[in-house]
Protein backbone atom coordinates (compact mmCIF):
# COMPACT_ATOMS: atom_id res chain seq x y z
CA MET A 1 67.71 -4.59 49.39
CA ASN A 2 68.07 -7.59 47.33
CA LYS A 3 70.59 -6.69 44.04
CA SER A 4 70.11 -9.47 41.94
CA LEU A 5 70.32 -8.83 37.92
CA LEU A 6 69.98 -12.16 35.46
CA ILE A 7 72.03 -11.73 32.66
CA LEU A 8 71.60 -14.44 30.24
CA PRO A 9 74.22 -14.29 27.16
CA ILE A 10 72.36 -15.86 24.26
CA ALA A 11 75.60 -16.32 22.21
CA ALA A 12 78.95 -16.43 23.18
CA LEU A 13 82.72 -15.22 22.27
CA ALA A 14 83.26 -15.38 18.62
CA LEU A 15 84.27 -19.04 17.52
CA ALA A 16 87.88 -19.17 16.87
CA SER A 17 87.31 -20.88 13.02
CA CYS A 18 84.52 -17.46 12.26
CA SER A 19 85.94 -14.42 11.23
CA ASP A 20 82.95 -12.10 12.45
CA ASP A 21 81.82 -11.79 16.31
CA GLU A 22 79.28 -13.37 18.09
CA PRO A 23 77.00 -11.94 20.32
CA LEU A 24 77.29 -12.87 23.51
CA SER A 25 73.47 -11.52 24.87
CA THR A 26 72.11 -11.00 28.55
CA ARG A 27 68.68 -11.18 29.46
CA GLN A 28 67.16 -9.56 33.27
CA ALA A 29 65.01 -11.51 35.12
CA THR A 30 63.64 -9.51 38.69
CA ASP A 31 64.92 -10.47 41.53
CA GLU A 32 67.16 -13.45 40.25
CA PRO A 33 70.91 -13.00 40.19
CA ILE A 34 72.99 -12.09 36.52
CA SER A 35 74.06 -15.20 34.32
CA PHE A 36 75.83 -14.84 31.53
CA ARG A 37 75.34 -17.57 28.93
CA ALA A 38 78.81 -17.90 27.21
CA SER A 39 81.80 -20.71 26.72
CA MET A 40 84.91 -19.36 27.36
CA GLY A 41 87.53 -21.78 29.82
CA ASN A 42 90.22 -21.82 32.04
CA LEU A 43 92.85 -20.16 29.36
CA SER A 44 96.10 -21.46 31.19
CA ARG A 45 97.02 -22.38 27.71
CA ALA A 46 97.92 -20.94 24.63
CA THR A 47 94.85 -21.74 23.08
CA GLU A 48 92.59 -20.12 21.73
CA THR A 49 89.35 -18.71 23.44
CA THR A 50 85.76 -20.48 21.54
CA ASN A 51 82.96 -20.37 22.48
CA ALA A 52 82.95 -24.02 23.94
CA ASN A 53 86.03 -23.26 26.07
CA LEU A 54 85.21 -20.14 28.61
CA ALA A 55 83.83 -20.79 31.76
CA SER A 56 84.70 -17.55 33.62
CA ILE A 57 83.99 -14.20 32.92
CA TYR A 58 84.76 -10.61 35.06
CA VAL A 59 82.25 -8.34 34.74
CA THR A 60 82.24 -4.49 36.36
CA SER A 61 79.11 -2.21 35.71
CA PHE A 62 77.93 1.51 36.14
CA ILE A 63 74.75 2.83 36.06
CA GLY A 64 73.94 5.49 34.11
CA ASP A 65 76.85 8.52 33.98
CA GLU A 66 77.90 7.80 37.11
CA THR A 67 81.83 7.06 37.94
CA VAL A 68 81.23 4.71 40.99
CA PRO A 69 81.29 1.39 39.53
CA TYR A 70 77.90 -0.36 40.69
CA PHE A 71 80.02 -3.35 41.01
CA HIS A 72 83.26 -4.25 40.20
CA ASP A 73 85.31 -7.41 38.89
CA LEU A 74 82.47 -9.86 39.42
CA LYS A 75 83.51 -13.46 38.46
CA TYR A 76 80.70 -15.45 36.53
CA ASP A 77 81.47 -19.16 36.29
CA LYS A 78 79.15 -21.15 33.44
CA ALA A 79 76.54 -23.09 35.37
CA GLY A 80 75.31 -26.63 33.57
CA ASP A 81 72.95 -25.18 32.25
CA GLY A 82 75.12 -22.97 29.67
CA PHE A 83 74.54 -19.65 31.66
CA PHE A 84 77.36 -18.12 33.83
CA THR A 85 75.81 -16.64 37.27
CA SER A 86 77.62 -14.76 39.79
CA THR A 87 79.78 -16.20 42.31
CA GLY A 88 80.33 -13.25 45.18
CA GLU A 89 77.47 -10.84 45.20
CA GLN A 90 75.05 -10.18 43.43
CA TYR A 91 72.13 -6.87 41.67
CA VAL A 92 68.94 -5.92 40.19
CA TRP A 93 68.35 -3.36 37.22
CA PRO A 94 67.51 0.03 38.80
CA SER A 95 64.77 1.07 37.54
CA ASP A 96 63.21 -0.02 33.71
CA THR A 97 64.53 2.80 31.48
CA THR A 98 68.65 3.68 33.96
CA PRO A 99 71.41 2.23 31.68
CA LEU A 100 73.58 -0.29 33.01
CA HIS A 101 76.76 0.56 31.11
CA PHE A 102 79.12 -3.21 31.50
CA LYS A 103 82.97 -3.69 30.62
CA SER A 104 83.47 -7.82 30.86
CA TYR A 105 87.43 -9.67 30.35
CA ALA A 106 88.90 -12.88 30.62
CA PRO A 107 90.88 -14.91 32.15
CA SER A 108 91.02 -13.97 35.12
CA LEU A 109 94.38 -11.07 36.64
CA ASP A 110 95.72 -14.15 38.08
CA GLU A 111 96.38 -15.75 34.96
CA LEU A 112 97.35 -12.42 33.13
CA GLY A 113 99.44 -11.67 35.98
CA ALA A 114 98.54 -8.23 35.80
CA ASP A 115 96.19 -5.67 36.88
CA ILE A 116 93.38 -3.29 35.92
CA GLU A 117 93.25 0.30 37.23
CA MET A 118 89.94 2.19 37.40
CA ASN A 119 90.32 6.29 36.71
CA GLY A 120 86.28 6.89 36.34
CA THR A 121 84.71 5.15 33.66
CA VAL A 122 88.13 4.04 32.34
CA LEU A 123 89.27 0.46 33.15
CA THR A 124 93.57 0.13 31.78
CA LEU A 125 94.80 -3.77 32.28
CA MET A 126 98.56 -2.05 33.33
CA ASN A 127 101.88 -3.75 32.39
CA PHE A 128 101.00 -7.29 31.04
CA THR A 129 103.39 -9.34 29.53
CA PRO A 130 103.05 -12.67 27.99
CA MET A 131 104.20 -15.52 29.58
CA GLU A 132 107.98 -16.58 28.64
CA ASP A 133 106.45 -20.26 28.61
CA ILE A 134 103.98 -20.09 25.26
CA SER A 135 102.37 -22.72 26.73
CA GLN A 136 101.67 -20.58 29.91
CA GLN A 137 100.31 -18.07 27.01
CA VAL A 138 96.90 -16.81 27.38
CA ASP A 139 93.98 -15.38 24.95
CA PHE A 140 92.84 -12.21 26.30
CA ILE A 141 89.46 -11.05 25.25
CA THR A 142 87.07 -8.33 26.51
CA ALA A 143 83.37 -7.08 25.46
CA GLU A 144 81.61 -4.28 26.68
CA ALA A 145 77.19 -3.46 26.48
CA THR A 146 74.66 -0.76 27.62
CA GLY A 147 71.07 -2.02 28.56
CA THR A 148 67.93 -1.44 30.34
CA LYS A 149 65.68 -3.50 32.10
CA ALA A 150 62.92 -2.16 29.89
CA VAL A 151 64.69 -2.81 26.66
CA ASN A 152 66.64 -6.11 27.60
CA GLU A 153 64.82 -7.77 30.99
CA THR A 154 63.75 -10.12 28.17
CA ALA A 155 65.44 -9.88 25.15
CA GLY A 156 68.93 -9.48 26.55
CA VAL A 157 71.71 -7.21 26.20
CA PRO A 158 74.23 -8.60 23.57
CA LEU A 159 78.46 -8.23 24.72
CA THR A 160 80.68 -9.77 21.60
CA PHE A 161 83.84 -10.62 22.95
CA LYS A 162 87.02 -9.41 20.77
CA HIS A 163 90.55 -11.41 21.13
CA ARG A 164 92.62 -8.84 21.91
CA LEU A 165 96.16 -10.04 21.02
CA SER A 166 98.29 -11.41 18.77
CA GLN A 167 98.18 -15.24 17.58
CA ILE A 168 101.47 -17.02 16.12
CA GLU A 169 102.42 -19.77 14.32
CA LEU A 170 104.97 -21.23 12.32
CA ARG A 171 105.19 -24.19 9.54
CA ALA A 172 107.94 -24.62 7.32
CA LYS A 173 108.22 -26.10 4.04
CA THR A 174 110.68 -27.45 1.02
CA ASP A 175 110.28 -28.29 -2.55
CA ASN A 176 113.96 -29.03 -2.31
CA THR A 177 114.66 -32.98 -2.98
CA THR A 178 118.82 -31.79 -3.42
CA TYR A 179 118.85 -32.06 0.48
CA VAL A 180 116.90 -33.61 3.44
CA TYR A 181 115.20 -30.73 5.84
CA LYS A 182 114.58 -31.74 9.26
CA ILE A 183 113.04 -29.33 12.18
CA ALA A 184 113.27 -29.09 15.71
CA GLY A 185 111.98 -26.13 17.44
CA MET A 186 111.19 -22.37 16.66
CA ARG A 187 112.40 -19.18 18.34
CA ILE A 188 110.16 -15.75 17.83
CA GLY A 189 112.67 -12.85 18.44
CA ARG A 190 112.54 -10.68 19.97
CA PRO A 191 108.55 -8.80 19.50
CA GLU A 192 108.24 -6.28 22.82
CA THR A 193 106.61 -7.91 25.67
CA THR A 194 105.00 -5.13 28.25
CA ALA A 195 102.39 -2.96 27.56
CA SER A 196 99.05 -1.89 28.58
CA PHE A 197 95.36 -2.25 27.08
CA ASN A 198 92.06 0.54 27.17
CA PHE A 199 89.14 -0.97 27.34
CA THR A 200 87.49 2.34 26.28
CA THR A 201 89.38 2.97 23.74
CA GLY A 202 90.67 -0.94 22.92
CA GLU A 203 93.75 0.06 22.04
CA TRP A 204 97.17 -0.67 23.42
CA THR A 205 99.99 1.02 24.35
CA LEU A 206 103.26 -0.36 24.65
CA ASP A 207 106.05 0.14 27.60
CA GLU A 208 108.30 2.79 27.01
CA TRP A 209 110.99 1.19 27.56
CA HIS A 210 110.30 -1.83 24.84
CA ASP A 211 111.50 -4.86 26.57
CA THR A 212 111.59 -7.79 24.26
CA TYR A 213 112.21 -11.37 24.24
CA VAL A 214 113.09 -14.45 22.58
CA TYR A 215 110.04 -16.98 22.65
CA GLU A 216 111.48 -20.23 21.89
CA SER A 217 110.23 -24.02 22.01
CA ALA A 218 110.81 -27.20 20.64
CA CYS A 219 108.65 -29.73 18.86
CA ASP A 220 109.63 -34.09 17.66
CA THR A 221 111.87 -33.56 14.95
CA VAL A 222 109.98 -33.39 11.39
CA THR A 223 111.21 -34.18 8.33
CA LEU A 224 110.53 -31.48 5.28
CA GLY A 225 107.86 -31.71 2.46
CA PRO A 226 105.81 -29.53 0.00
CA THR A 227 103.17 -29.89 2.30
CA PRO A 228 103.35 -26.96 5.25
CA VAL A 229 104.13 -28.09 8.63
CA SER A 230 103.51 -26.42 12.21
CA VAL A 231 107.28 -26.43 14.32
CA MET A 232 105.41 -25.07 17.26
CA GLY A 233 105.36 -28.41 19.30
CA LYS A 234 103.54 -29.29 22.10
CA SER A 235 103.12 -25.43 23.29
CA GLY A 236 100.41 -24.36 21.19
CA ASN A 237 100.38 -21.25 19.27
CA ALA A 238 102.26 -18.06 20.87
CA MET A 239 99.61 -14.83 21.83
CA LEU A 240 101.33 -11.98 21.57
CA LEU A 241 101.40 -8.22 21.97
CA PRO A 242 100.00 -6.62 18.78
CA GLN A 243 102.53 -4.37 17.40
CA THR A 244 104.60 -2.95 14.36
CA LEU A 245 107.96 -5.03 14.07
CA THR A 246 110.93 -3.80 13.28
CA PRO A 247 113.08 -6.51 11.12
CA TRP A 248 116.57 -7.72 12.64
CA MET A 249 119.50 -6.53 9.66
CA PRO A 250 122.00 -9.59 9.41
CA LYS A 251 124.42 -7.51 7.90
CA GLY A 252 124.08 -4.15 9.46
CA ASP A 253 123.22 -5.62 12.79
CA PRO A 254 124.50 -9.22 12.76
CA ASP A 255 124.20 -9.51 16.77
CA ASN A 256 121.55 -8.04 16.55
CA ILE A 257 122.29 -5.17 19.05
CA ALA A 258 118.83 -3.00 18.08
CA ARG A 259 117.14 -6.11 19.97
CA SER A 260 115.00 -6.52 16.08
CA ALA A 261 112.83 -9.44 15.47
CA TYR A 262 113.41 -12.35 13.71
CA LEU A 263 112.13 -15.99 13.06
CA SER A 264 114.35 -19.03 13.84
CA VAL A 265 113.85 -22.72 13.08
CA ALA A 266 116.31 -25.45 14.80
CA VAL A 267 116.82 -27.17 11.52
CA ASN A 268 119.27 -30.31 10.45
CA ILE A 269 120.11 -30.02 6.74
CA SER A 270 122.03 -33.23 4.97
CA THR A 271 122.27 -35.17 1.57
CA PRO A 272 119.59 -38.03 1.22
CA GLU A 273 122.33 -40.31 1.92
CA GLY A 274 122.55 -38.94 5.27
CA VAL A 275 125.86 -36.57 5.31
CA GLN A 276 125.51 -33.50 7.79
CA ILE A 277 125.33 -30.11 5.73
CA TYR A 278 124.04 -28.08 8.41
CA PRO A 279 125.22 -27.48 11.48
CA VAL A 280 128.87 -27.88 9.43
CA PRO A 281 130.90 -31.05 10.60
CA SER A 282 133.80 -28.93 11.98
CA ASP A 283 131.53 -27.08 13.93
CA THR A 284 132.94 -28.69 17.98
CA ARG A 285 130.11 -27.02 19.80
CA LEU A 286 128.19 -29.99 21.73
CA ASP A 287 124.65 -30.20 22.68
CA ALA A 288 122.92 -30.44 25.92
CA ALA A 289 123.91 -34.12 26.18
CA GLY A 290 127.66 -33.39 25.33
CA HIS A 291 127.00 -35.02 21.43
CA PRO A 292 128.46 -32.97 18.23
CA ARG A 293 124.98 -30.68 17.44
CA LYS A 294 122.98 -32.02 15.02
CA PHE A 295 120.44 -28.93 14.65
CA ALA A 296 121.66 -25.28 14.60
CA TRP A 297 119.57 -22.12 13.98
CA ALA A 298 118.45 -20.65 10.61
CA SER A 299 116.89 -16.78 11.04
CA VAL A 300 115.11 -14.87 8.79
CA PRO A 301 113.97 -10.74 9.76
CA LEU A 302 110.64 -10.09 11.04
CA SER A 303 108.67 -7.19 9.84
CA GLY A 304 105.07 -5.51 9.54
CA THR A 305 102.77 -5.63 11.97
CA TRP A 306 100.60 -7.63 14.62
CA GLU A 307 96.70 -6.34 14.66
CA GLN A 308 94.37 -7.59 17.53
CA GLY A 309 92.55 -9.92 17.01
CA LYS A 310 94.20 -12.15 13.93
CA LYS A 311 96.24 -14.98 13.86
CA TYR A 312 98.96 -14.96 11.81
CA ILE A 313 101.25 -18.23 10.00
CA TYR A 314 104.25 -17.86 8.65
CA VAL A 315 105.38 -20.41 6.23
CA LEU A 316 109.13 -20.78 6.27
CA ASP A 317 110.17 -21.95 2.46
CA PHE A 318 113.19 -23.90 2.76
CA THR A 319 113.22 -24.59 -1.37
CA ASN A 320 116.06 -22.16 -2.21
CA GLY A 321 117.79 -20.77 0.85
CA GLY A 322 118.90 -21.77 4.70
CA GLY A 323 118.19 -18.33 6.09
CA TYR A 324 120.73 -16.60 8.14
CA LYS A 325 122.48 -17.85 11.05
CA ASP A 326 120.86 -17.13 14.33
CA PRO A 327 121.93 -13.28 16.16
CA ASP A 328 123.16 -15.99 19.31
CA ASP A 329 125.31 -18.03 16.93
CA PRO A 330 128.89 -17.09 17.71
CA ASP A 331 128.94 -16.19 13.68
CA PRO A 332 125.79 -14.21 13.46
CA GLY A 333 124.52 -12.77 10.22
CA LYS A 334 126.21 -15.35 7.98
CA PRO A 335 124.22 -17.18 5.06
CA VAL A 336 122.95 -21.15 6.52
CA MET A 337 123.50 -22.08 2.61
CA GLY A 338 121.63 -20.37 -0.63
CA GLY A 339 119.80 -17.59 -0.71
CA PRO A 340 116.91 -16.00 2.13
CA ILE A 341 114.26 -18.06 3.36
CA LYS A 342 111.31 -16.80 1.68
CA PHE A 343 107.99 -17.10 3.69
CA THR A 344 104.30 -16.33 3.01
CA VAL A 345 102.05 -15.12 5.94
CA ASP A 346 98.45 -15.61 6.12
CA VAL A 347 96.18 -13.00 7.78
CA GLN A 348 92.93 -13.07 8.80
CA GLU A 349 89.91 -12.40 12.16
CA TRP A 350 91.52 -15.35 14.62
CA GLN A 351 92.08 -17.49 10.98
CA ASN A 352 94.67 -19.12 9.42
CA ASP A 353 96.59 -16.78 7.28
CA SER A 354 99.41 -17.25 5.74
CA ILE A 355 103.18 -15.56 5.17
CA PRO A 356 105.22 -16.88 2.41
CA THR A 357 108.64 -16.44 3.95
CA PRO A 358 111.70 -17.43 1.48
CA MET A 359 114.75 -19.39 3.01
CA THR A 360 117.56 -17.52 0.74
CA THR A 361 119.78 -15.12 1.22
CA PRO A 362 120.05 -11.81 -0.88
CA ASP A 363 123.68 -11.09 -3.07
CA ALA A 364 125.50 -8.38 -1.11
């Protein structure tokens, strides 16, 4: 039996700049191989998936009410005509009216660093953990649809891909002209790191051990002004697990024994004349090159909920303060100077939203 099926998506994954998902459609042509029209590349950096960079997708299909897959985890690569065709075995519609159910995802399991468990028609991405190196994190997306030959042979079976992680970006600014603020890196401290994703419910379940991690990246030194600037560096934005964050308590738990969430930036604070204020001149610790430190971490507790498919831009505002000394500092939880960091947060469907975050410390 010739097992070929043509599935031609007419519109792919929602663009990163759009708030609405765009359908990825499929169309059958008898005795032709499955082929998807989409755009998603090999997502081996912390890069948003868009119609322009999707190169491969992976598809599992079930016939009607059957729990044994018609085909499982088939890879489809984009061809020169924009259609995605199977690189393995090929399949046809079983009949005019028998429905086929499709479940699709990207990028590959190797890039995700996880496995898919199948229990009947329920697929679960097991124990996924974002890479520790932000530059190696990927944008996990999934889609699900049902079609029949009679209805979809010409019109196509629509597939709508959704982003399943939360995208995080840190920016910084100041309206303060009394001091000069320079930033050389950032930390996203202690979000949870491991969870499993159910393709049917579209929900994540965090690992029962609730492991956390401090994601860190350097950036070219930037001098802050009134316009917010990104401090993510060449690593790009972080792609992390959706979750509700428990904020670090600088006073109640300065060493962060509870492994709660916070944001930090590597900051140098000086007078306009060049006199260093922070790190304090009496700080005798050396940097990696053996020189007196020019930058030290300034932190702010992080609370709230990260939802899947949303981009969070935290704008750290140093206008009225410098936050707290980082939990890893020998004197953690102490105010850097002034009050707490204020911040704003923008939240949209994979768009730029911001969260104001003051770097001031409240009174004791």
